[in-house]
Every structure is written in C-alpha cells, then in structure tokens.
Amino acid sequence: MKYVIYLLPLTHASICLRASLLGQTVPDASIFALVAFLALFSGASLLVLRRKDA
C-alpha cells in the first residue's frame, strides 16, 4: 500500500511542504514527481481541450 500512496501527487506535495516548514531540504525525488505530474496533467488537459474544440 505504501508504494500505491507514492503514486499520488498530494503525497509529494505534503512531503515538500513538511520539509520546507521544518527547515529541512526538500527531497529531489518529490520535486521531480511533482514536475512529472504537472507535465502529465497539463498534457492531458491540452489533449482534452483540443479534442473538444475540433
């Protein structure tokens, strides 16, 4: 179950927020995951919008 939870974007967002509030370094893996989610969701939304306009 732990690995399934790490596939969700909110998990990485809370890891980054917690680390920044505690004055710790933000994990690079979580930053990379958030950027990957951003690219994935942005690309998917662009595809849906283009398909809707056609």
Protein backbone atom coordinates (compact mmCIF):
# COMPACT_ATOMS: atom_id res chain seq x y z
CA MET A 1 0.00 0.00 0.00
CA LYS A 2 2.92 2.33 0.69
CA TYR A 3 4.03 2.25 -2.95
CA VAL A 4 0.50 2.97 -4.19
CA ILE A 5 0.32 6.07 -1.99
CA TYR A 6 3.57 7.36 -3.52
CA LEU A 7 1.87 7.33 -6.93
CA LEU A 8 -0.44 10.17 -5.81
CA PRO A 9 0.60 13.81 -6.30
CA LEU A 10 -0.72 15.04 -2.94
CA THR A 11 1.73 12.77 -1.12
CA HIS A 12 4.69 14.51 -2.73
CA ALA A 13 3.20 17.94 -2.17
CA SER A 14 2.79 17.27 1.55
CA ILE A 15 6.34 15.85 1.77
CA CYS A 16 7.70 19.05 0.22
CA LEU A 17 5.58 21.29 2.44
CA ARG A 18 6.53 19.39 5.58
CA ALA A 19 10.23 19.54 4.74
CA SER A 20 10.14 23.26 3.99
CA LEU A 21 8.24 24.08 7.18
CA LEU A 22 10.64 22.07 9.31
CA GLY A 23 13.66 23.72 7.68
CA GLN A 24 14.84 20.51 6.06
CA THR A 25 15.95 20.05 2.49
CA VAL A 26 13.18 19.20 0.08
CA PRO A 27 13.69 15.73 -1.46
CA ASP A 28 14.68 15.85 -5.12
CA ALA A 29 12.53 12.81 -5.88
CA SER A 30 9.40 14.61 -4.69
CA ILE A 31 10.22 17.71 -6.73
CA PHE A 32 10.77 15.52 -9.79
CA ALA A 33 7.49 13.69 -9.14
CA LEU A 34 5.57 16.98 -8.86
CA VAL A 35 7.09 18.25 -12.11
CA ALA A 36 6.21 14.95 -13.79
CA PHE A 37 2.62 15.18 -12.53
CA LEU A 38 2.44 18.77 -13.77
CA ALA A 39 3.60 17.74 -17.24
CA LEU A 40 1.27 14.73 -17.32
CA PHE A 41 -1.84 16.60 -16.21
CA SER A 42 -1.09 19.65 -18.36
CA GLY A 43 -0.59 17.48 -21.43
CA ALA A 44 -3.76 15.54 -20.75
CA SER A 45 -5.79 18.71 -20.31
CA LEU A 46 -4.41 20.15 -23.55
CA LEU A 47 -5.41 16.98 -25.39
CA VAL A 48 -8.93 17.16 -23.98
CA LEU A 49 -9.28 20.84 -24.86
CA ARG A 50 -8.03 20.30 -28.43
CA ARG A 51 -10.38 17.38 -28.92
CA LYS A 52 -13.30 19.41 -27.60
CA ASP A 53 -12.61 22.32 -30.00
CA ALA A 54 -12.49 20.08 -33.07
